[in-house]
Structures are given as structure tokens and as C-alpha cells.
Amino acid sequence: MPGTALLQTERLRLRAFQDRDLDALGALYQDPAVTRYLCPPMDRLTAWRAAAAAIAFCQRRADPHQPGIWAIEARADGRMIGRVGLSPWDDGGRLHWELGYLLATDQQGQGLATEAATALRDHANTVLGLPTLVALVHPENEGSKRVLTKMRFWPHPGWVVQEAGMPREVWTWP
């Protein structure tokens, strides 16, 4: 259900993606400061195509009773400033639920990623019944490591995988 809030925090609303989020999500995907640890840089057309495909995918799967990917909206002004979600991740025989997030550069450093991801972690545990989560983090992504540490995720020493051609450390909760 487009526009329906999954969760609200003091400063944020996690909600289903809407068509009007295309420009904001495309800008996130095109911003190398946002995606440098996730994927190679994208030109404008590639970023907007990826954003359109992601929004369509997320809209088809927007069910508050199932894991999914949600828009992060600033409650103060209604602006879509990022995304947070739970995606299936297979480590080669065992299915895990991966917590992931992206936040606009101008919104970083304010605790918003921690606020959004913590709300979704708690929802995953209490409503969806997921007792454990993983997060895949580029070894040089100190910002995400700080977020995950605040959320009481722990790195697994030596457990490094390749995703999108880049190394990822595996962190788990609890």
C-alpha cells in the first residue's frame, strides 16, 4: 500500500515507496559518496533506471508482515532521504535476513541511519519473528560499522564474502 507507514520514529517514517520517490532515489544511486562501498559509480540514466526498477520491485512486495525494503522519510518535511530493508541472503546453503540501508549524504552523521535501522531491526524481531539478522559491510565503511556497533551487531572475524565485486565483512545480530 503506497504511502502507508510501516514504522515511525521520533524523526523518521519508514513507508512503502511511491512513484514520486524516483528522483530522490535516483539521486542517491548516482551519488558516489552514498554508493562507494556498494557498487561502481552510475551515470544519471543508469541510476534512474535502477531507481525505477527498485521502486517497482519494492511496491510489489510492500507488505508490513513480510521482510522488505522501505523508503526512509523525514517526518519534518516529508522528504524521502534514504532506504532501509531486509533482504534474503544465502551464504552458500543457509538463508539469512540481511539488514541494509542507504542515506542521503546531507542526512548522514545525525544518527538517522541508526534510528531507521534500529526500528526495522526491532520490527523484524518482534513482529516478523526473525531472531537473527546479518549485515554485509565493506571493510573500509567506518560509518556503517559505527551504526552497526550502536545497534549491537558484531563482526565475525575472518568471515568476508564478495558481493557486487567488493569484499564484505559479515556482521550479525544478536
Protein backbone atom coordinates (compact mmCIF):
# COMPACT_ATOMS: atom_id res chain seq x y z
CA MET A 1 0.00 0.00 0.00
CA PRO A 2 1.83 3.07 -1.23
CA GLY A 3 2.31 5.80 1.34
CA THR A 4 1.40 3.62 4.29
CA ALA A 5 3.84 3.94 7.15
CA LEU A 6 5.37 0.69 8.31
CA LEU A 7 7.03 2.34 11.31
CA GLN A 8 7.52 5.79 12.77
CA THR A 9 10.33 7.02 14.96
CA GLU A 10 10.85 10.41 16.54
CA ARG A 11 12.26 11.86 13.30
CA LEU A 12 11.50 9.32 10.59
CA ARG A 13 8.74 7.42 8.85
CA LEU A 14 9.53 4.09 7.19
CA ARG A 15 6.99 3.63 4.42
CA ALA A 16 6.29 1.94 1.13
CA PHE A 17 7.97 3.53 -1.88
CA GLN A 18 5.89 5.85 -4.03
CA ASP A 19 6.35 6.83 -7.67
CA ARG A 20 7.23 10.35 -6.50
CA ASP A 21 10.40 8.90 -4.87
CA LEU A 22 12.04 8.30 -8.27
CA ASP A 23 14.12 11.50 -8.39
CA ALA A 24 15.29 11.18 -4.78
CA LEU A 25 16.23 7.50 -5.11
CA GLY A 26 17.89 8.12 -8.47
CA ALA A 27 19.96 10.90 -6.89
CA LEU A 28 21.01 8.53 -4.07
CA TYR A 29 22.09 5.89 -6.57
CA GLN A 30 24.06 8.44 -8.59
CA ASP A 31 25.85 9.93 -5.57
CA PRO A 32 29.29 8.28 -5.29
CA ALA A 33 29.53 9.30 -1.63
CA VAL A 34 26.42 7.16 -0.94
CA THR A 35 27.26 4.16 -3.12
CA ARG A 36 31.08 3.99 -3.00
CA TYR A 37 31.01 0.89 -0.79
CA LEU A 38 28.11 -0.77 -2.62
CA CYS A 39 28.63 -0.63 -6.36
CA PRO A 40 30.57 1.05 -9.15
CA PRO A 41 29.57 4.66 -9.94
CA MET A 42 26.42 5.09 -12.04
CA ASP A 43 25.67 7.73 -14.65
CA ARG A 44 22.35 9.58 -14.40
CA LEU A 45 20.43 7.35 -16.80
CA THR A 46 21.68 4.12 -15.19
CA ALA A 47 20.89 5.45 -11.71
CA TRP A 48 17.35 6.48 -12.63
CA ARG A 49 16.68 3.16 -14.38
CA ALA A 50 17.94 1.30 -11.31
CA ALA A 51 15.77 3.50 -9.08
CA ALA A 52 12.66 2.90 -11.21
CA ALA A 53 13.24 -0.86 -11.14
CA ALA A 54 13.87 -0.81 -7.37
CA ILE A 55 10.71 1.20 -6.67
CA ALA A 56 8.58 -1.11 -8.81
CA PHE A 57 10.06 -4.17 -7.09
CA CYS A 58 9.56 -2.72 -3.60
CA GLN A 59 5.99 -1.61 -4.36
CA ARG A 60 5.05 -5.14 -5.47
CA ARG A 61 6.41 -6.54 -2.22
CA ALA A 62 5.24 -3.85 0.24
CA ASP A 63 3.70 -5.98 2.99
CA PRO A 64 4.24 -4.93 6.62
CA HIS A 65 4.01 -8.59 7.66
CA GLN A 66 6.92 -9.66 5.45
CA PRO A 67 10.55 -8.55 5.13
CA GLY A 68 11.01 -5.86 2.51
CA ILE A 69 12.72 -2.61 1.57
CA TRP A 70 11.19 0.66 2.73
CA ALA A 71 11.64 4.36 1.99
CA ILE A 72 13.02 6.49 4.81
CA GLU A 73 11.06 9.74 5.01
CA ALA A 74 11.93 12.72 7.19
CA ARG A 75 8.85 13.45 9.28
CA ALA A 76 9.73 17.15 9.47
CA ASP A 77 9.30 17.82 5.75
CA GLY A 78 8.09 14.56 4.13
CA ARG A 79 11.25 14.23 2.04
CA MET A 80 12.45 10.73 1.07
CA ILE A 81 16.04 10.65 2.35
CA GLY A 82 17.02 7.00 2.04
CA ARG A 83 16.01 3.39 2.20
CA VAL A 84 16.22 0.60 4.75
CA GLY A 85 15.30 -3.01 4.35
CA LEU A 86 15.56 -6.70 4.93
CA SER A 87 16.64 -8.89 2.03
CA PRO A 88 17.30 -12.62 1.82
CA TRP A 89 20.99 -13.53 1.70
CA ASP A 90 22.22 -17.06 1.08
CA ASP A 91 25.73 -17.72 2.36
CA GLY A 92 26.03 -20.84 0.24
CA GLY A 93 23.45 -23.09 1.80
CA ARG A 94 21.89 -21.17 4.67
CA LEU A 95 19.35 -18.38 4.31
CA HIS A 96 19.85 -15.24 6.40
CA TRP A 97 17.98 -11.93 6.51
CA GLU A 98 20.27 -9.03 5.68
CA LEU A 99 19.63 -5.57 7.10
CA GLY A 100 20.74 -2.82 4.73
CA TYR A 101 20.35 0.95 4.46
CA LEU A 102 21.27 3.96 2.34
CA LEU A 103 21.02 7.56 3.47
CA ALA A 104 21.43 10.81 1.53
CA THR A 105 24.81 12.43 2.10
CA ASP A 106 23.31 15.58 3.63
CA GLN A 107 21.47 13.44 6.20
CA GLN A 108 24.46 11.41 7.38
CA GLY A 109 26.14 11.97 10.73
CA GLN A 110 22.89 12.76 12.59
CA GLY A 111 22.04 9.29 13.87
CA LEU A 112 19.28 8.82 11.27
CA ALA A 113 20.68 5.58 9.81
CA THR A 114 20.89 4.14 13.32
CA GLU A 115 17.34 5.32 14.09
CA ALA A 116 15.84 3.80 10.93
CA ALA A 117 17.81 0.55 11.05
CA THR A 118 17.13 0.03 14.77
CA ALA A 119 13.39 0.49 14.22
CA LEU A 120 13.42 -2.08 11.41
CA ARG A 121 15.62 -4.49 13.42
CA ASP A 122 13.17 -4.36 16.31
CA HIS A 123 10.20 -4.82 13.93
CA ALA A 124 11.95 -7.80 12.33
CA ASN A 125 12.45 -9.40 15.72
CA THR A 126 9.14 -8.65 17.45
CA VAL A 127 6.64 -8.60 14.55
CA LEU A 128 8.24 -10.75 11.86
CA GLY A 129 9.77 -13.23 14.32
CA LEU A 130 13.29 -13.06 12.88
CA PRO A 131 15.63 -13.92 15.78
CA THR A 132 18.87 -13.08 13.96
CA LEU A 133 19.97 -10.69 11.22
CA VAL A 134 23.15 -10.13 9.24
CA ALA A 135 24.67 -7.02 7.70
CA LEU A 136 27.29 -7.06 4.95
CA VAL A 137 29.75 -4.19 5.28
CA HIS A 138 32.67 -3.11 3.12
CA PRO A 139 35.82 -3.31 5.31
CA GLU A 140 36.53 0.42 4.81
CA ASN A 141 32.99 1.63 5.58
CA GLU A 142 33.62 3.03 9.06
CA GLY A 143 30.29 4.89 9.14
CA SER A 144 28.27 1.69 8.75
CA LYS A 145 30.46 -0.08 11.26
CA ARG A 146 29.63 2.65 13.80
CA VAL A 147 25.90 2.29 13.06
CA LEU A 148 26.03 -1.48 13.48
CA THR A 149 28.09 -1.26 16.66
CA LYS A 150 25.48 1.08 18.20
CA MET A 151 22.82 -1.48 17.21
CA ARG A 152 24.79 -4.30 18.92
CA PHE A 153 25.71 -6.14 15.73
CA TRP A 154 29.05 -7.97 15.93
CA PRO A 155 31.59 -8.66 13.19
CA HIS A 156 32.55 -12.25 12.52
CA PRO A 157 36.36 -12.23 12.27
CA GLY A 158 37.51 -13.78 9.04
CA TRP A 159 34.02 -14.08 7.52
CA VAL A 160 34.41 -11.97 4.40
CA VAL A 161 32.36 -12.53 1.25
CA GLN A 162 32.29 -10.96 -2.20
CA GLU A 163 29.16 -9.04 -3.17
CA ALA A 164 28.89 -6.88 -6.33
CA GLY A 165 32.62 -7.42 -6.88
CA MET A 166 33.55 -5.94 -3.50
CA PRO A 167 34.60 -7.52 -0.19
CA ARG A 168 32.03 -7.53 2.60
CA GLU A 169 32.53 -8.32 6.27
CA VAL A 170 29.63 -10.26 7.78
CA TRP A 171 28.16 -8.76 10.97
CA THR A 172 25.40 -10.48 12.96
CA TRP A 173 22.72 -9.60 15.48
CA PRO A 174 22.30 -10.59 18.22
